């Protein structure tokens, strides 16, 4: 996952990222998941 994957359009229609902590869940169903946390800094 890259910073580019976290971009979104804000209220001014700018394609941006915001700093913060993120938690990712990956799995084939809701009971069998791997999790990871990371922080995006400016």
PDB file of N, CA and C in Angstrom:
ATOM      1  N   UNK A   1       0.848  -1.158   0.000  1.00  0.00           N
ATOM      2  CA  UNK A   1       0.000   0.000   0.000  1.00  0.00           C
ATOM      3  C   UNK A   1       0.900   1.229   0.000  1.00  0.00           C
ATOM      4  N   UNK A   2       0.551   2.184  -0.836  1.00  0.00           N
ATOM      5  CA  UNK A   2       1.351   3.407  -0.940  1.00  0.00           C
ATOM      6  C   UNK A   2       0.512   4.618  -0.541  1.00  0.00           C
ATOM      7  N   UNK A   3       1.165   5.751  -0.413  1.00  0.00           N
ATOM      8  CA  UNK A   3       0.453   6.992  -0.109  1.00  0.00           C
ATOM      9  C   UNK A   3      -0.587   7.288  -1.190  1.00  0.00           C
ATOM     10  N   UNK A   4      -0.266   6.961  -2.412  1.00  0.00           N
ATOM     11  CA  UNK A   4      -1.184   7.180  -3.538  1.00  0.00           C
ATOM     12  C   UNK A   4      -2.501   6.418  -3.335  1.00  0.00           C
ATOM     13  N   UNK A   5      -2.443   5.254  -2.721  1.00  0.00           N
ATOM     14  CA  UNK A   5      -3.637   4.439  -2.466  1.00  0.00           C
ATOM     15  C   UNK A   5      -4.579   5.082  -1.452  1.00  0.00           C
ATOM     16  N   UNK A   6      -4.093   6.019  -0.653  1.00  0.00           N
ATOM     17  CA  UNK A   6      -4.893   6.649   0.395  1.00  0.00           C
ATOM     18  C   UNK A   6      -5.472   7.998  -0.018  1.00  0.00           C
ATOM     19  N   UNK A   7      -5.235   8.412  -1.236  1.00  0.00           N
ATOM     20  CA  UNK A   7      -5.718   9.719  -1.686  1.00  0.00           C
ATOM     21  C   UNK A   7      -7.225   9.710  -1.907  1.00  0.00           C
ATOM     22  N   UNK A   8      -7.825  10.881  -1.703  1.00  0.00           N
ATOM     23  CA  UNK A   8      -9.252  11.080  -1.920  1.00  0.00           C
ATOM     24  C   UNK A   8      -9.475  12.531  -2.341  1.00  0.00           C
ATOM     25  N   UNK A   9     -10.668  12.821  -2.845  1.00  0.00           N
ATOM     26  CA  UNK A   9     -11.010  14.188  -3.220  1.00  0.00           C
ATOM     27  C   UNK A   9     -11.606  14.902  -2.013  1.00  0.00           C
ATOM     28  N   UNK A  10     -11.011  16.051  -1.662  1.00  0.00           N
ATOM     29  CA  UNK A  10     -11.540  16.832  -0.541  1.00  0.00           C
ATOM     30  C   UNK A  10     -12.659  17.753  -1.026  1.00  0.00           C
ATOM     31  N   UNK A  11     -13.139  18.622  -0.141  1.00  0.00           N
ATOM     32  CA  UNK A  11     -14.266  19.499  -0.469  1.00  0.00           C
ATOM     33  C   UNK A  11     -13.937  20.511  -1.569  1.00  0.00           C
ATOM     34  N   UNK A  12     -12.640  20.749  -1.825  1.00  0.00           N
ATOM     35  CA  UNK A  12     -12.214  21.656  -2.899  1.00  0.00           C
ATOM     36  C   UNK A  12     -11.880  20.890  -4.183  1.00  0.00           C
ATOM     37  N   UNK A  13     -12.228  19.599  -4.201  1.00  0.00           N
ATOM     38  CA  UNK A  13     -11.963  18.698  -5.330  1.00  0.00           C
ATOM     39  C   UNK A  13     -10.475  18.553  -5.627  1.00  0.00           C
ATOM     40  N   UNK A  14      -9.660  18.639  -4.572  1.00  0.00           N
ATOM     41  CA  UNK A  14      -8.225  18.387  -4.683  1.00  0.00           C
ATOM     42  C   UNK A  14      -7.977  16.937  -4.293  1.00  0.00           C
ATOM     43  N   UNK A  15      -7.121  16.253  -5.023  1.00  0.00           N
ATOM     44  CA  UNK A  15      -6.788  14.853  -4.759  1.00  0.00           C
ATOM     45  C   UNK A  15      -5.655  14.838  -3.735  1.00  0.00           C
ATOM     46  N   UNK A  16      -5.953  14.535  -2.471  1.00  0.00           N
ATOM     47  CA  UNK A  16      -5.010  14.716  -1.367  1.00  0.00           C
ATOM     48  C   UNK A  16      -4.952  13.488  -0.458  1.00  0.00           C
ATOM     49  N   UNK A  17      -3.942  13.487   0.407  1.00  0.00           N
ATOM     50  CA  UNK A  17      -3.882  12.550   1.525  1.00  0.00           C
ATOM     51  C   UNK A  17      -3.869  13.367   2.805  1.00  0.00           C
ATOM     52  N   UNK A  18      -4.270  12.753   3.895  1.00  0.00           N
ATOM     53  CA  UNK A  18      -4.201  13.389   5.202  1.00  0.00           C
ATOM     54  C   UNK A  18      -3.393  12.497   6.124  1.00  0.00           C
ATOM     55  N   UNK A  19      -2.565  13.111   6.971  1.00  0.00           N
ATOM     56  CA  UNK A  19      -1.784  12.305   7.911  1.00  0.00           C
ATOM     57  C   UNK A  19      -2.701  11.648   8.944  1.00  0.00           C
ATOM     58  N   UNK A  20      -2.235  10.550   9.495  1.00  0.00           N
ATOM     59  CA  UNK A  20      -3.003   9.877  10.530  1.00  0.00           C
ATOM     60  C   UNK A  20      -2.627   8.420  10.650  1.00  0.00           C
ATOM     61  N   UNK A  21      -3.273   7.752  11.595  1.00  0.00           N
ATOM     62  CA  UNK A  21      -3.059   6.324  11.802  1.00  0.00           C
ATOM     63  C   UNK A  21      -4.126   5.549  11.041  1.00  0.00           C
ATOM     64  N   UNK A  22      -3.708   4.465  10.419  1.00  0.00           N
ATOM     65  CA  UNK A  22      -4.608   3.639   9.622  1.00  0.00           C
ATOM     66  C   UNK A  22      -4.470   2.192  10.056  1.00  0.00           C
ATOM     67  N   UNK A  23      -5.567   1.462   9.963  1.00  0.00           N
ATOM     68  CA  UNK A  23      -5.558   0.037  10.260  1.00  0.00           C
ATOM     69  C   UNK A  23      -6.147  -0.692   9.055  1.00  0.00           C
ATOM     70  N   UNK A  24      -5.434  -1.708   8.580  1.00  0.00           N
ATOM     71  CA  UNK A  24      -5.835  -2.454   7.391  1.00  0.00           C
ATOM     72  C   UNK A  24      -6.225  -3.869   7.795  1.00  0.00           C
ATOM     73  N   UNK A  25      -7.336  -4.338   7.252  1.00  0.00           N
ATOM     74  CA  UNK A  25      -7.813  -5.699   7.475  1.00  0.00           C
ATOM     75  C   UNK A  25      -7.837  -6.412   6.129  1.00  0.00           C
ATOM     76  N   UNK A  26      -7.212  -7.593   6.051  1.00  0.00           N
ATOM     77  CA  UNK A  26      -7.180  -8.365   4.810  1.00  0.00           C
ATOM     78  C   UNK A  26      -7.546  -9.805   5.127  1.00  0.00           C
ATOM     79  N   UNK A  27      -8.472 -10.358   4.371  1.00  0.00           N
ATOM     80  CA  UNK A  27      -8.844 -11.748   4.588  1.00  0.00           C
ATOM     81  C   UNK A  27      -9.917 -12.197   3.625  1.00  0.00           C
ATOM     82  N   UNK A  28     -10.195 -13.482   3.673  1.00  0.00           N
ATOM     83  CA  UNK A  28     -11.214 -14.041   2.783  1.00  0.00           C
ATOM     84  C   UNK A  28     -12.616 -13.933   3.364  1.00  0.00           C
ATOM     85  N   UNK A  29     -12.703 -13.690   4.690  1.00  0.00           N
ATOM     86  CA  UNK A  29     -13.997 -13.491   5.333  1.00  0.00           C
ATOM     87  C   UNK A  29     -13.779 -12.704   6.620  1.00  0.00           C
ATOM     88  N   UNK A  30     -14.861 -12.363   7.311  1.00  0.00           N
ATOM     89  CA  UNK A  30     -14.757 -11.498   8.486  1.00  0.00           C
ATOM     90  C   UNK A  30     -14.167 -12.183   9.716  1.00  0.00           C
ATOM     91  N   UNK A  31     -14.042 -13.497   9.694  1.00  0.00           N
ATOM     92  CA  UNK A  31     -13.486 -14.225  10.841  1.00  0.00           C
ATOM     93  C   UNK A  31     -12.026 -14.612  10.657  1.00  0.00           C
ATOM     94  N   UNK A  32     -11.543 -14.570   9.437  1.00  0.00           N
ATOM     95  CA  UNK A  32     -10.177 -15.004   9.130  1.00  0.00           C
ATOM     96  C   UNK A  32      -9.429 -13.843   8.481  1.00  0.00           C
ATOM     97  N   UNK A  33      -8.904 -12.936   9.315  1.00  0.00           N
ATOM     98  CA  UNK A  33      -8.267 -11.732   8.775  1.00  0.00           C
ATOM     99  C   UNK A  33      -6.882 -11.515   9.367  1.00  0.00           C
ATOM    100  N   UNK A  34      -6.061 -10.841   8.606  1.00  0.00           N
ATOM    101  CA  UNK A  34      -4.784 -10.326   9.082  1.00  0.00           C
ATOM    102  C   UNK A  34      -4.954  -8.823   9.230  1.00  0.00           C
ATOM    103  N   UNK A  35      -4.347  -8.249  10.259  1.00  0.00           N
ATOM    104  CA  UNK A  35      -4.443  -6.809  10.460  1.00  0.00           C
ATOM    105  C   UNK A  35      -3.053  -6.205  10.559  1.00  0.00           C
ATOM    106  N   UNK A  36      -2.977  -4.960  10.183  1.00  0.00           N
ATOM    107  CA  UNK A  36      -1.728  -4.218  10.291  1.00  0.00           C
ATOM    108  C   UNK A  36      -2.068  -2.751  10.497  1.00  0.00           C
ATOM    109  N   UNK A  37      -1.255  -2.060  11.271  1.00  0.00           N
ATOM    110  CA  UNK A  37      -1.432  -0.628  11.507  1.00  0.00           C
ATOM    111  C   UNK A  37      -0.223   0.112  10.968  1.00  0.00           C
ATOM    112  N   UNK A  38      -0.461   1.311  10.476  1.00  0.00           N
ATOM    113  CA  UNK A  38       0.638   2.163  10.039  1.00  0.00           C
ATOM    114  C   UNK A  38       0.217   3.614  10.191  1.00  0.00           C
ATOM    115  N   UNK A  39       1.196   4.507  10.148  1.00  0.00           N
ATOM    116  CA  UNK A  39       0.939   5.931  10.285  1.00  0.00           C
ATOM    117  C   UNK A  39       1.474   6.658   9.065  1.00  0.00           C
ATOM    118  N   UNK A  40       0.658   7.532   8.503  1.00  0.00           N
ATOM    119  CA  UNK A  40       1.067   8.377   7.392  1.00  0.00           C
ATOM    120  C   UNK A  40       1.424   9.739   7.960  1.00  0.00           C
ATOM    121  N   UNK A  41       2.646  10.171   7.717  1.00  0.00           N
ATOM    122  CA  UNK A  41       3.115  11.458   8.224  1.00  0.00           C
ATOM    123  C   UNK A  41       3.383  12.400   7.066  1.00  0.00           C
ATOM    124  N   UNK A  42       3.199  13.686   7.298  1.00  0.00           N
ATOM    125  CA  UNK A  42       3.549  14.705   6.286  1.00  0.00           C
ATOM    126  C   UNK A  42       4.971  15.128   6.455  1.00  0.00           C
TER     127      UNK A  42
END
